[in-house]
Amino acid sequence: MTAADLTRARNAFSAVFRDFDPYGRPFQPVVGDRLLIYDVDRNETTPWGLSPPALCALLHAADDQDSERVFISVADPRTNHDAEAHYVLSPLTAGSYAAAPEPWTILPHAMYPPSGRWGVMSSEESHILVGGTARFVADLAAGLGQGTDAMISAWLEDWSGHQDQDPDGRLRIGDWIPAQLAHIVGSERAERALSSSRLRRWSSPAR
């Protein structure tokens, strides 16, 4: 990434993300519309990135100009200035994303356009966080082919299975989940989902 693009990336990242944390509360408070994507049938060639159907839904939801050039970062561009940690896909297509060089197929990454109108953050645990304009998030959710509540339920059930491996709770597996879920869907909706799940909690979620 060039120095000029890195400056643009820092500005765009700051518009949508508060920090680079796929297990925390990464979105800026002004980004009011958010979504959790969890694809239980995700493509194993991109296990920690957007699956081809999810990327197709994103491309349909995004404005054309926002898919002409997209930044991808594997670290916060405001603090990490290593050109090899930040990339430009121009244009963003299913082919360019799948054929792009590592590391974002194997590590968490953030994807966002220069406009800063939306952002996507992947994780090493196969869930993906999305934030952006109301229209973008609604159109993306509609194009996924799975209900948002169903994705959340599947995500919580998988983490409940992880917790089953630590019956005494000494490792506090998934203790970050309630706060993150509240950050994405709001406290009330998060509480309903958590109460309907088997997930063990150590604290109540906070927005």
N, C-alpha and C. Protein backbone atom coordinates (compact mmCIF):
# COMPACT_ATOMS: atom_id res chain seq x y z
N MET A 1 0.85 -1.19 0.00
CA MET A 1 0.00 0.00 0.00
C MET A 1 0.89 1.25 0.00
N THR A 2 0.54 2.22 -0.81
CA THR A 2 1.31 3.45 -0.88
C THR A 2 1.05 4.31 0.35
N ALA A 3 1.91 5.29 0.56
CA ALA A 3 1.75 6.19 1.70
C ALA A 3 0.43 6.96 1.61
N ALA A 4 0.06 7.37 0.38
CA ALA A 4 -1.19 8.11 0.20
C ALA A 4 -2.39 7.22 0.53
N ASP A 5 -2.34 5.96 0.09
CA ASP A 5 -3.44 5.05 0.40
C ASP A 5 -3.50 4.74 1.89
N LEU A 6 -2.35 4.68 2.54
CA LEU A 6 -2.35 4.40 3.98
C LEU A 6 -3.02 5.53 4.74
N THR A 7 -2.80 6.77 4.30
CA THR A 7 -3.49 7.91 4.92
C THR A 7 -4.99 7.79 4.72
N ARG A 8 -5.41 7.45 3.50
CA ARG A 8 -6.84 7.26 3.24
C ARG A 8 -7.41 6.11 4.07
N ALA A 9 -6.62 5.06 4.21
CA ALA A 9 -7.07 3.91 4.99
C ALA A 9 -7.26 4.28 6.45
N ARG A 10 -6.35 5.06 7.01
CA ARG A 10 -6.48 5.48 8.40
C ARG A 10 -7.76 6.28 8.61
N ASN A 11 -8.04 7.18 7.69
CA ASN A 11 -9.24 8.00 7.82
C ASN A 11 -10.51 7.16 7.68
N ALA A 12 -10.51 6.26 6.72
CA ALA A 12 -11.68 5.42 6.49
C ALA A 12 -11.89 4.45 7.66
N PHE A 13 -10.80 3.88 8.15
CA PHE A 13 -10.89 2.96 9.29
C PHE A 13 -11.48 3.68 10.50
N SER A 14 -11.00 4.89 10.76
CA SER A 14 -11.47 5.66 11.91
C SER A 14 -12.95 6.00 11.81
N ALA A 15 -13.46 6.11 10.59
CA ALA A 15 -14.87 6.47 10.40
C ALA A 15 -15.80 5.36 10.87
N VAL A 16 -15.36 4.13 10.76
CA VAL A 16 -16.25 3.01 11.07
C VAL A 16 -15.80 2.21 12.29
N PHE A 17 -14.49 2.10 12.50
CA PHE A 17 -13.99 1.26 13.59
C PHE A 17 -13.42 2.09 14.74
N ARG A 18 -13.71 1.65 15.95
CA ARG A 18 -13.11 2.26 17.14
C ARG A 18 -11.74 1.65 17.40
N ASP A 19 -11.63 0.34 17.17
CA ASP A 19 -10.35 -0.34 17.31
C ASP A 19 -10.36 -1.64 16.52
N PHE A 20 -9.22 -2.27 16.44
CA PHE A 20 -9.09 -3.52 15.71
C PHE A 20 -9.19 -4.67 16.73
N ASP A 21 -10.41 -5.10 16.98
CA ASP A 21 -10.64 -6.14 17.99
C ASP A 21 -11.85 -6.97 17.60
N PRO A 22 -11.64 -8.11 16.95
CA PRO A 22 -12.77 -8.94 16.53
C PRO A 22 -13.47 -9.66 17.68
N TYR A 23 -12.97 -9.50 18.91
CA TYR A 23 -13.60 -10.11 20.07
C TYR A 23 -14.09 -9.07 21.08
N GLY A 24 -14.08 -7.83 20.67
CA GLY A 24 -14.50 -6.77 21.57
C GLY A 24 -15.66 -5.97 21.00
N ARG A 25 -15.54 -4.66 21.07
CA ARG A 25 -16.58 -3.74 20.58
C ARG A 25 -15.92 -2.80 19.57
N PRO A 26 -15.74 -3.29 18.34
CA PRO A 26 -14.88 -2.57 17.40
C PRO A 26 -15.48 -1.35 16.73
N PHE A 27 -16.80 -1.20 16.72
CA PHE A 27 -17.39 -0.14 15.90
C PHE A 27 -17.52 1.18 16.65
N GLN A 28 -17.39 2.25 15.87
CA GLN A 28 -17.61 3.58 16.43
C GLN A 28 -19.07 3.72 16.87
N PRO A 29 -19.32 4.52 17.92
CA PRO A 29 -20.71 4.71 18.37
C PRO A 29 -21.64 5.23 17.28
N VAL A 30 -21.11 6.00 16.32
CA VAL A 30 -21.96 6.56 15.27
C VAL A 30 -22.40 5.51 14.26
N VAL A 31 -21.76 4.35 14.29
CA VAL A 31 -22.15 3.26 13.39
C VAL A 31 -23.26 2.48 14.09
N GLY A 32 -24.49 2.90 13.86
CA GLY A 32 -25.61 2.35 14.61
C GLY A 32 -26.16 1.04 14.10
N ASP A 33 -25.89 0.70 12.85
CA ASP A 33 -26.42 -0.53 12.29
C ASP A 33 -25.31 -1.56 12.18
N ARG A 34 -25.56 -2.71 12.79
CA ARG A 34 -24.51 -3.72 12.90
C ARG A 34 -25.10 -5.11 12.69
N LEU A 35 -24.22 -6.04 12.39
CA LEU A 35 -24.68 -7.39 12.03
C LEU A 35 -23.60 -8.40 12.37
N LEU A 36 -24.01 -9.55 12.87
CA LEU A 36 -23.09 -10.67 13.07
C LEU A 36 -23.39 -11.73 12.03
N ILE A 37 -22.37 -12.13 11.29
CA ILE A 37 -22.51 -13.20 10.30
C ILE A 37 -21.82 -14.44 10.83
N TYR A 38 -22.57 -15.53 10.86
CA TYR A 38 -21.98 -16.81 11.24
C TYR A 38 -22.55 -17.86 10.30
N ASP A 39 -21.71 -18.33 9.41
CA ASP A 39 -22.15 -19.26 8.38
C ASP A 39 -21.68 -20.65 8.75
N VAL A 40 -22.60 -21.48 9.21
CA VAL A 40 -22.22 -22.83 9.63
C VAL A 40 -21.78 -23.69 8.44
N ASP A 41 -22.16 -23.28 7.25
CA ASP A 41 -21.77 -24.01 6.04
C ASP A 41 -20.73 -23.23 5.25
N ARG A 42 -19.91 -22.45 5.95
CA ARG A 42 -18.95 -21.59 5.28
C ARG A 42 -17.98 -22.40 4.42
N ASN A 43 -17.48 -21.75 3.40
CA ASN A 43 -16.53 -22.38 2.48
C ASN A 43 -15.21 -22.58 3.20
N GLU A 44 -14.71 -23.81 3.19
CA GLU A 44 -13.48 -24.10 3.92
C GLU A 44 -12.24 -23.43 3.31
N THR A 45 -12.34 -22.90 2.09
CA THR A 45 -11.19 -22.21 1.51
C THR A 45 -11.01 -20.83 2.12
N THR A 46 -12.07 -20.27 2.74
CA THR A 46 -11.97 -18.99 3.43
C THR A 46 -12.62 -19.13 4.80
N PRO A 47 -12.09 -20.01 5.67
CA PRO A 47 -12.78 -20.29 6.93
C PRO A 47 -12.86 -19.11 7.87
N TRP A 48 -11.99 -18.12 7.72
CA TRP A 48 -12.03 -16.97 8.62
C TRP A 48 -12.32 -15.69 7.86
N GLY A 49 -12.75 -15.81 6.63
CA GLY A 49 -13.12 -14.65 5.85
C GLY A 49 -14.55 -14.79 5.37
N LEU A 50 -14.96 -13.89 4.51
CA LEU A 50 -16.31 -13.96 3.95
C LEU A 50 -16.41 -15.14 3.00
N SER A 51 -17.44 -15.94 3.16
CA SER A 51 -17.68 -17.03 2.24
C SER A 51 -18.13 -16.43 0.90
N PRO A 52 -18.02 -17.17 -0.19
CA PRO A 52 -18.48 -16.63 -1.48
C PRO A 52 -19.92 -16.13 -1.47
N PRO A 53 -20.89 -16.84 -0.86
CA PRO A 53 -22.25 -16.27 -0.83
C PRO A 53 -22.34 -14.98 -0.03
N ALA A 54 -21.61 -14.91 1.09
CA ALA A 54 -21.65 -13.69 1.90
C ALA A 54 -21.00 -12.53 1.16
N LEU A 55 -19.90 -12.80 0.46
CA LEU A 55 -19.24 -11.75 -0.31
C LEU A 55 -20.14 -11.28 -1.44
N CYS A 56 -20.85 -12.20 -2.07
CA CYS A 56 -21.79 -11.83 -3.13
C CYS A 56 -22.88 -10.92 -2.57
N ALA A 57 -23.39 -11.24 -1.38
CA ALA A 57 -24.40 -10.40 -0.75
C ALA A 57 -23.84 -9.02 -0.43
N LEU A 58 -22.59 -8.96 0.01
CA LEU A 58 -21.96 -7.67 0.31
C LEU A 58 -21.83 -6.83 -0.96
N LEU A 59 -21.42 -7.45 -2.05
CA LEU A 59 -21.24 -6.71 -3.29
C LEU A 59 -22.57 -6.16 -3.79
N HIS A 60 -23.65 -6.89 -3.59
CA HIS A 60 -24.96 -6.39 -3.98
C HIS A 60 -25.43 -5.26 -3.07
N ALA A 61 -25.02 -5.31 -1.80
CA ALA A 61 -25.45 -4.29 -0.85
C ALA A 61 -24.65 -3.00 -0.98
N ALA A 62 -23.38 -3.10 -1.37
CA ALA A 62 -22.50 -1.93 -1.42
C ALA A 62 -22.78 -1.08 -2.66
N ASP A 63 -22.59 0.23 -2.52
CA ASP A 63 -22.65 1.10 -3.68
C ASP A 63 -21.52 0.73 -4.64
N ASP A 64 -21.75 0.92 -5.92
CA ASP A 64 -20.74 0.54 -6.91
C ASP A 64 -19.39 1.20 -6.63
N GLN A 65 -19.41 2.47 -6.24
CA GLN A 65 -18.15 3.17 -6.03
C GLN A 65 -17.39 2.60 -4.82
N ASP A 66 -18.13 2.02 -3.88
CA ASP A 66 -17.47 1.44 -2.71
C ASP A 66 -16.84 0.09 -3.00
N SER A 67 -17.19 -0.53 -4.10
CA SER A 67 -16.56 -1.79 -4.46
C SER A 67 -15.45 -1.61 -5.49
N GLU A 68 -15.27 -0.36 -5.96
CA GLU A 68 -14.20 -0.09 -6.93
C GLU A 68 -12.83 -0.21 -6.28
N ARG A 69 -12.71 0.26 -5.03
CA ARG A 69 -11.46 0.15 -4.28
C ARG A 69 -11.82 -0.13 -2.83
N VAL A 70 -11.24 -1.17 -2.28
CA VAL A 70 -11.51 -1.55 -0.90
C VAL A 70 -10.18 -1.78 -0.19
N PHE A 71 -10.08 -1.29 1.02
CA PHE A 71 -8.89 -1.53 1.84
C PHE A 71 -9.09 -2.79 2.68
N ILE A 72 -8.03 -3.55 2.85
CA ILE A 72 -8.02 -4.68 3.75
C ILE A 72 -6.81 -4.53 4.66
N SER A 73 -7.06 -4.60 5.96
CA SER A 73 -6.00 -4.43 6.95
C SER A 73 -6.00 -5.61 7.91
N VAL A 74 -4.81 -6.07 8.27
CA VAL A 74 -4.68 -7.12 9.27
C VAL A 74 -4.22 -6.54 10.60
N ALA A 75 -4.20 -5.23 10.69
CA ALA A 75 -3.87 -4.51 11.92
C ALA A 75 -4.47 -3.11 11.80
N ASP A 76 -4.48 -2.40 12.90
CA ASP A 76 -5.03 -1.05 12.92
C ASP A 76 -4.12 -0.13 12.10
N PRO A 77 -4.59 0.45 11.02
CA PRO A 77 -3.72 1.30 10.19
C PRO A 77 -3.30 2.58 10.87
N ARG A 78 -3.94 2.94 11.97
CA ARG A 78 -3.56 4.15 12.68
C ARG A 78 -2.31 3.94 13.52
N THR A 79 -2.04 2.70 13.88
CA THR A 79 -0.88 2.41 14.72
C THR A 79 0.14 1.51 14.04
N ASN A 80 -0.29 0.77 13.04
CA ASN A 80 0.61 -0.12 12.30
C ASN A 80 0.77 0.45 10.89
N HIS A 81 1.96 0.92 10.58
CA HIS A 81 2.20 1.57 9.30
C HIS A 81 2.95 0.67 8.33
N ASP A 82 3.03 -0.61 8.65
CA ASP A 82 3.71 -1.57 7.78
C ASP A 82 2.89 -1.77 6.52
N ALA A 83 3.45 -1.44 5.38
CA ALA A 83 2.72 -1.54 4.12
C ALA A 83 2.23 -2.96 3.85
N GLU A 84 2.93 -3.95 4.38
CA GLU A 84 2.55 -5.33 4.13
C GLU A 84 1.36 -5.77 4.99
N ALA A 85 0.92 -4.92 5.89
CA ALA A 85 -0.24 -5.23 6.72
C ALA A 85 -1.53 -4.64 6.15
N HIS A 86 -1.42 -3.91 5.04
CA HIS A 86 -2.57 -3.23 4.47
C HIS A 86 -2.54 -3.37 2.94
N TYR A 87 -3.71 -3.63 2.38
CA TYR A 87 -3.79 -3.93 0.95
C TYR A 87 -4.96 -3.20 0.31
N VAL A 88 -4.90 -3.08 -0.99
CA VAL A 88 -5.98 -2.50 -1.76
C VAL A 88 -6.46 -3.54 -2.76
N LEU A 89 -7.76 -3.80 -2.76
CA LEU A 89 -8.35 -4.64 -3.80
C LEU A 89 -9.12 -3.72 -4.74
N SER A 90 -8.76 -3.73 -5.99
CA SER A 90 -9.39 -2.83 -6.96
C SER A 90 -9.58 -3.56 -8.29
N PRO A 91 -10.85 -3.91 -8.58
CA PRO A 91 -12.05 -3.77 -7.74
C PRO A 91 -12.19 -4.95 -6.78
N LEU A 92 -13.13 -4.82 -5.85
CA LEU A 92 -13.47 -5.94 -5.00
C LEU A 92 -14.44 -6.84 -5.75
N THR A 93 -14.03 -8.05 -5.99
CA THR A 93 -14.89 -9.06 -6.63
C THR A 93 -14.69 -10.38 -5.90
N ALA A 94 -15.55 -11.33 -6.20
CA ALA A 94 -15.38 -12.66 -5.61
C ALA A 94 -14.02 -13.23 -6.00
N GLY A 95 -13.61 -12.98 -7.24
CA GLY A 95 -12.34 -13.50 -7.71
C GLY A 95 -11.15 -12.83 -7.06
N SER A 96 -11.19 -11.49 -6.94
CA SER A 96 -10.04 -10.79 -6.37
C SER A 96 -9.90 -11.09 -4.88
N TYR A 97 -11.01 -11.28 -4.20
CA TYR A 97 -10.95 -11.59 -2.76
C TYR A 97 -10.40 -13.00 -2.54
N ALA A 98 -10.89 -13.94 -3.32
CA ALA A 98 -10.44 -15.33 -3.15
C ALA A 98 -8.99 -15.51 -3.57
N ALA A 99 -8.55 -14.73 -4.57
CA ALA A 99 -7.20 -14.90 -5.10
C ALA A 99 -6.19 -13.99 -4.42
N ALA A 100 -6.66 -13.15 -3.51
CA ALA A 100 -5.75 -12.21 -2.86
C ALA A 100 -4.72 -12.96 -2.03
N PRO A 101 -3.53 -12.39 -1.88
CA PRO A 101 -2.51 -13.08 -1.09
C PRO A 101 -2.86 -13.12 0.39
N GLU A 102 -2.24 -14.05 1.09
CA GLU A 102 -2.41 -14.07 2.53
C GLU A 102 -1.86 -12.74 3.08
N PRO A 103 -2.22 -12.31 4.31
CA PRO A 103 -2.62 -13.18 5.40
C PRO A 103 -4.10 -13.22 5.74
N TRP A 104 -4.98 -12.46 5.07
CA TRP A 104 -6.32 -12.39 5.64
C TRP A 104 -7.16 -13.64 5.46
N THR A 105 -6.68 -14.62 4.72
CA THR A 105 -7.41 -15.88 4.71
C THR A 105 -7.10 -16.71 5.94
N ILE A 106 -6.09 -16.35 6.72
CA ILE A 106 -5.73 -17.14 7.89
C ILE A 106 -5.66 -16.32 9.17
N LEU A 107 -5.88 -15.00 9.09
CA LEU A 107 -5.82 -14.16 10.27
C LEU A 107 -7.00 -13.19 10.27
N PRO A 108 -7.36 -12.61 11.40
CA PRO A 108 -8.42 -11.58 11.38
C PRO A 108 -8.05 -10.44 10.45
N HIS A 109 -9.04 -9.89 9.77
CA HIS A 109 -8.79 -8.73 8.92
C HIS A 109 -10.00 -7.83 8.91
N ALA A 110 -9.75 -6.57 8.62
CA ALA A 110 -10.81 -5.59 8.46
C ALA A 110 -10.88 -5.21 6.98
N MET A 111 -12.10 -5.10 6.47
CA MET A 111 -12.30 -4.68 5.08
C MET A 111 -13.25 -3.48 5.09
N TYR A 112 -12.87 -2.42 4.37
CA TYR A 112 -13.64 -1.19 4.42
C TYR A 112 -13.30 -0.34 3.19
N PRO A 113 -14.26 0.40 2.65
CA PRO A 113 -14.01 1.25 1.49
C PRO A 113 -13.46 2.61 1.91
N PRO A 114 -12.85 3.35 0.99
CA PRO A 114 -12.34 4.68 1.33
C PRO A 114 -13.40 5.63 1.88
N SER A 115 -14.67 5.41 1.51
CA SER A 115 -15.73 6.29 2.00
C SER A 115 -15.99 6.11 3.49
N GLY A 116 -15.60 4.96 4.06
CA GLY A 116 -15.87 4.68 5.47
C GLY A 116 -17.34 4.44 5.76
N ARG A 117 -18.14 4.12 4.72
CA ARG A 117 -19.57 3.92 4.94
C ARG A 117 -19.90 2.59 5.58
N TRP A 118 -18.99 1.65 5.50
CA TRP A 118 -19.22 0.34 6.13
C TRP A 118 -17.88 -0.33 6.42
N GLY A 119 -17.93 -1.34 7.24
CA GLY A 119 -16.72 -2.08 7.56
C GLY A 119 -17.07 -3.50 7.95
N VAL A 120 -16.16 -4.40 7.65
CA VAL A 120 -16.31 -5.82 7.97
C VAL A 120 -15.07 -6.25 8.74
N MET A 121 -15.25 -6.96 9.84
CA MET A 121 -14.11 -7.48 10.59
C MET A 121 -14.29 -8.98 10.82
N SER A 122 -13.34 -9.75 10.34
CA SER A 122 -13.39 -11.20 10.52
C SER A 122 -12.63 -11.58 11.78
N SER A 123 -12.76 -12.85 12.16
CA SER A 123 -12.08 -13.33 13.35
C SER A 123 -11.49 -14.71 13.09
N GLU A 124 -10.66 -15.15 14.01
CA GLU A 124 -10.10 -16.49 13.92
C GLU A 124 -11.11 -17.55 14.33
N GLU A 125 -12.25 -17.12 14.84
CA GLU A 125 -13.28 -18.05 15.29
C GLU A 125 -14.45 -18.13 14.32
N SER A 126 -14.26 -17.62 13.12
CA SER A 126 -15.20 -17.78 12.01
C SER A 126 -16.47 -16.94 12.10
N HIS A 127 -16.57 -16.05 13.08
CA HIS A 127 -17.69 -15.12 13.04
C HIS A 127 -17.19 -13.81 12.44
N ILE A 128 -18.10 -13.08 11.83
CA ILE A 128 -17.76 -11.85 11.12
C ILE A 128 -18.68 -10.74 11.60
N LEU A 129 -18.10 -9.58 11.87
CA LEU A 129 -18.85 -8.43 12.34
C LEU A 129 -18.95 -7.40 11.23
N VAL A 130 -20.14 -6.83 11.08
CA VAL A 130 -20.40 -5.86 10.03
C VAL A 130 -21.04 -4.63 10.64
N GLY A 131 -20.62 -3.46 10.21
CA GLY A 131 -21.26 -2.22 10.63
C GLY A 131 -21.32 -1.27 9.46
N GLY A 132 -22.32 -0.43 9.42
CA GLY A 132 -22.42 0.52 8.31
C GLY A 132 -23.74 1.25 8.30
N THR A 133 -24.07 1.79 7.16
CA THR A 133 -25.33 2.51 7.02
C THR A 133 -26.50 1.54 7.14
N ALA A 134 -27.66 2.09 7.49
CA ALA A 134 -28.85 1.25 7.66
C ALA A 134 -29.17 0.48 6.39
N ARG A 135 -29.11 1.16 5.25
CA ARG A 135 -29.45 0.49 3.99
C ARG A 135 -28.46 -0.62 3.68
N PHE A 136 -27.18 -0.35 3.86
CA PHE A 136 -26.16 -1.36 3.56
C PHE A 136 -26.36 -2.60 4.42
N VAL A 137 -26.51 -2.42 5.72
CA VAL A 137 -26.63 -3.57 6.62
C VAL A 137 -27.92 -4.33 6.35
N ALA A 138 -29.02 -3.61 6.09
CA ALA A 138 -30.29 -4.29 5.80
C ALA A 138 -30.21 -5.09 4.51
N ASP A 139 -29.62 -4.50 3.47
CA ASP A 139 -29.50 -5.20 2.20
C ASP A 139 -28.57 -6.40 2.30
N LEU A 140 -27.50 -6.25 3.05
CA LEU A 140 -26.59 -7.37 3.24
C LEU A 140 -27.28 -8.50 3.99
N ALA A 141 -27.97 -8.16 5.06
CA ALA A 141 -28.68 -9.19 5.84
C ALA A 141 -29.71 -9.92 4.99
N ALA A 142 -30.42 -9.16 4.15
CA ALA A 142 -31.45 -9.77 3.31
C ALA A 142 -30.85 -10.71 2.27
N GLY A 143 -29.61 -10.43 1.86
CA GLY A 143 -28.99 -11.24 0.82
C GLY A 143 -28.26 -12.46 1.31
N LEU A 144 -28.18 -12.64 2.62
CA LEU A 144 -27.39 -13.74 3.17
C LEU A 144 -28.08 -15.10 3.05
N GLY A 145 -29.41 -15.08 2.97
CA GLY A 145 -30.13 -16.34 2.85
C GLY A 145 -30.30 -17.07 4.17
N GLN A 146 -29.94 -16.44 5.29
CA GLN A 146 -30.15 -17.01 6.62
C GLN A 146 -30.58 -15.89 7.55
N GLY A 147 -31.46 -16.19 8.46
CA GLY A 147 -31.94 -15.21 9.40
C GLY A 147 -30.85 -14.81 10.38
N THR A 148 -30.88 -13.55 10.79
CA THR A 148 -29.86 -13.08 11.73
C THR A 148 -29.98 -13.77 13.08
N ASP A 149 -31.20 -14.02 13.55
CA ASP A 149 -31.38 -14.71 14.83
C ASP A 149 -30.85 -16.14 14.75
N ALA A 150 -31.06 -16.79 13.60
CA ALA A 150 -30.57 -18.16 13.43
C ALA A 150 -29.05 -18.20 13.46
N MET A 151 -28.40 -17.20 12.84
CA MET A 151 -26.94 -17.16 12.86
C MET A 151 -26.42 -16.96 14.28
N ILE A 152 -27.07 -16.07 15.03
CA ILE A 152 -26.65 -15.83 16.40
C ILE A 152 -26.83 -17.09 17.24
N SER A 153 -27.96 -17.77 17.06
CA SER A 153 -28.22 -19.00 17.83
C SER A 153 -27.17 -20.06 17.52
N ALA A 154 -26.82 -20.21 16.24
CA ALA A 154 -25.82 -21.20 15.87
C ALA A 154 -24.46 -20.85 16.45
N TRP A 155 -24.13 -19.57 16.44
CA TRP A 155 -22.86 -19.09 16.99
C TRP A 155 -22.79 -19.38 18.49
N LEU A 156 -23.86 -19.06 19.21
CA LEU A 156 -23.88 -19.29 20.65
C LEU A 156 -23.84 -20.78 20.98
N GLU A 157 -24.51 -21.59 20.18
CA GLU A 157 -24.50 -23.03 20.44
C GLU A 157 -23.11 -23.62 20.22
N ASP A 158 -22.42 -23.16 19.19
CA ASP A 158 -21.05 -23.64 18.97
C ASP A 158 -20.15 -23.27 20.14
N TRP A 159 -20.30 -22.04 20.65
CA TRP A 159 -19.48 -21.63 21.79
C TRP A 159 -19.89 -22.37 23.06
N SER A 160 -21.16 -22.73 23.19
CA SER A 160 -21.58 -23.54 24.33
C SER A 160 -20.89 -24.89 24.28
N GLY A 161 -20.73 -25.43 23.06
CA GLY A 161 -20.00 -26.68 22.90
C GLY A 161 -18.54 -26.55 23.32
N HIS A 162 -17.94 -25.40 23.01
CA HIS A 162 -16.57 -25.17 23.46
C HIS A 162 -16.51 -25.14 24.99
N GLN A 163 -17.51 -24.51 25.60
CA GLN A 163 -17.52 -24.42 27.06
C GLN A 163 -17.70 -25.79 27.71
N ASP A 164 -18.38 -26.70 27.02
CA ASP A 164 -18.57 -28.04 27.56
C ASP A 164 -17.24 -28.75 27.80
N GLN A 165 -16.21 -28.32 27.09
CA GLN A 165 -14.89 -28.92 27.25
C GLN A 165 -14.19 -28.42 28.52
N ASP A 166 -14.76 -27.43 29.17
CA ASP A 166 -14.20 -26.86 30.40
C ASP A 166 -15.32 -26.78 31.43
N PRO A 167 -15.78 -27.94 31.93
CA PRO A 167 -16.97 -27.95 32.80
C PRO A 167 -16.83 -27.13 34.07
N ASP A 168 -15.61 -26.96 34.58
CA ASP A 168 -15.42 -26.18 35.80
C ASP A 168 -15.41 -24.67 35.55
N GLY A 169 -15.33 -24.28 34.29
CA GLY A 169 -15.34 -22.86 33.96
C GLY A 169 -14.08 -22.11 34.30
N ARG A 170 -13.01 -22.82 34.58
CA ARG A 170 -11.78 -22.15 34.98
C ARG A 170 -11.15 -21.34 33.86
N LEU A 171 -11.39 -21.76 32.61
CA LEU A 171 -10.81 -21.04 31.47
C LEU A 171 -11.66 -19.86 31.02
N ARG A 172 -12.87 -19.79 31.55
CA ARG A 172 -13.80 -18.69 31.19
C ARG A 172 -13.92 -18.57 29.67
N ILE A 173 -14.12 -19.70 29.03
CA ILE A 173 -14.24 -19.73 27.56
C ILE A 173 -15.43 -18.88 27.12
N GLY A 174 -15.18 -17.98 26.17
CA GLY A 174 -16.24 -17.16 25.61
C GLY A 174 -16.75 -16.08 26.54
N ASP A 175 -15.95 -15.68 27.55
CA ASP A 175 -16.46 -14.67 28.48
C ASP A 175 -16.64 -13.30 27.83
N TRP A 176 -16.09 -13.11 26.63
CA TRP A 176 -16.21 -11.84 25.91
C TRP A 176 -17.50 -11.76 25.09
N ILE A 177 -18.19 -12.88 24.93
CA ILE A 177 -19.32 -12.94 23.99
C ILE A 177 -20.49 -12.05 24.39
N PRO A 178 -20.96 -12.04 25.65
CA PRO A 178 -22.12 -11.20 25.98
C PRO A 178 -21.92 -9.73 25.64
N ALA A 179 -20.76 -9.18 25.98
CA ALA A 179 -20.52 -7.76 25.70
C ALA A 179 -20.46 -7.51 24.20
N GLN A 180 -19.83 -8.43 23.46
CA GLN A 180 -19.77 -8.21 22.02
C GLN A 180 -21.14 -8.32 21.37
N LEU A 181 -21.92 -9.30 21.79
CA LEU A 181 -23.25 -9.45 21.20
C LEU A 181 -24.11 -8.23 21.47
N ALA A 182 -24.02 -7.67 22.69
CA ALA A 182 -24.76 -6.45 23.00
C ALA A 182 -24.30 -5.29 22.13
N HIS A 183 -23.01 -5.23 21.86
CA HIS A 183 -22.46 -4.18 21.00
C HIS A 183 -23.02 -4.30 19.59
N ILE A 184 -23.26 -5.51 19.13
CA ILE A 184 -23.72 -5.71 17.75
C ILE A 184 -25.23 -5.57 17.62
N VAL A 185 -25.99 -6.17 18.52
CA VAL A 185 -27.45 -6.21 18.33
C VAL A 185 -28.22 -5.45 19.40
N GLY A 186 -27.54 -4.85 20.36
CA GLY A 186 -28.22 -4.14 21.43
C GLY A 186 -28.44 -5.03 22.65
N SER A 187 -28.53 -4.42 23.80
CA SER A 187 -28.59 -5.17 25.07
C SER A 187 -29.83 -6.05 25.17
N GLU A 188 -30.99 -5.54 24.80
CA GLU A 188 -32.22 -6.31 24.96
C GLU A 188 -32.23 -7.54 24.06
N ARG A 189 -31.88 -7.36 22.81
CA ARG A 189 -31.86 -8.49 21.90
C ARG A 189 -30.78 -9.48 22.29
N ALA A 190 -29.64 -8.98 22.73
CA ALA A 190 -28.57 -9.87 23.18
C ALA A 190 -29.02 -10.69 24.38
N GLU A 191 -29.71 -10.06 25.31
CA GLU A 191 -30.17 -10.78 26.50
C GLU A 191 -31.16 -11.88 26.13
N ARG A 192 -32.05 -11.61 25.19
CA ARG A 192 -32.99 -12.65 24.76
C ARG A 192 -32.26 -13.83 24.15
N ALA A 193 -31.29 -13.54 23.30
CA ALA A 193 -30.55 -14.62 22.64
C ALA A 193 -29.74 -15.42 23.65
N LEU A 194 -29.09 -14.72 24.58
CA LEU A 194 -28.26 -15.40 25.57
C LEU A 194 -29.11 -16.24 26.51
N SER A 195 -30.28 -15.73 26.89
CA SER A 195 -31.16 -16.46 27.80
C SER A 195 -31.71 -17.73 27.16
N SER A 196 -31.80 -17.72 25.84
CA SER A 196 -32.32 -18.89 25.11
C SER A 196 -31.22 -19.89 24.77
N SER A 197 -29.99 -19.54 25.09
CA SER A 197 -28.86 -20.40 24.74
C SER A 197 -28.33 -21.13 25.97
N ARG A 198 -27.38 -22.02 25.73
CA ARG A 198 -26.73 -22.75 26.83
C ARG A 198 -25.45 -22.05 27.29
N LEU A 199 -25.15 -20.89 26.72
CA LEU A 199 -23.87 -20.25 27.01
C LEU A 199 -23.76 -19.85 28.48
N ARG A 200 -22.66 -20.20 29.10
CA ARG A 200 -22.38 -19.80 30.47
C ARG A 200 -21.89 -18.36 30.46
N ARG A 201 -22.38 -17.57 31.42
CA ARG A 201 -21.99 -16.17 31.49
C ARG A 201 -21.40 -15.84 32.85
N TRP A 202 -20.45 -14.88 32.81
CA TRP A 202 -19.86 -14.39 34.05
C TRP A 202 -20.27 -12.95 34.34
N SER A 203 -20.83 -12.29 33.36
CA SER A 203 -21.28 -10.91 33.57
C SER A 203 -22.38 -10.61 32.58
N SER A 204 -23.15 -9.59 32.85
CA SER A 204 -24.23 -9.17 31.95
C SER A 204 -23.65 -8.34 30.82
N PRO A 205 -24.26 -8.41 29.62
CA PRO A 205 -23.74 -7.62 28.50
C PRO A 205 -23.97 -6.14 28.72
N ALA A 206 -23.05 -5.33 28.20
CA ALA A 206 -23.17 -3.87 28.28
C ALA A 206 -22.91 -3.28 26.92
N ARG A 207 -23.72 -2.33 26.51
CA ARG A 207 -23.59 -1.70 25.19
C ARG A 207 -22.28 -0.95 25.12
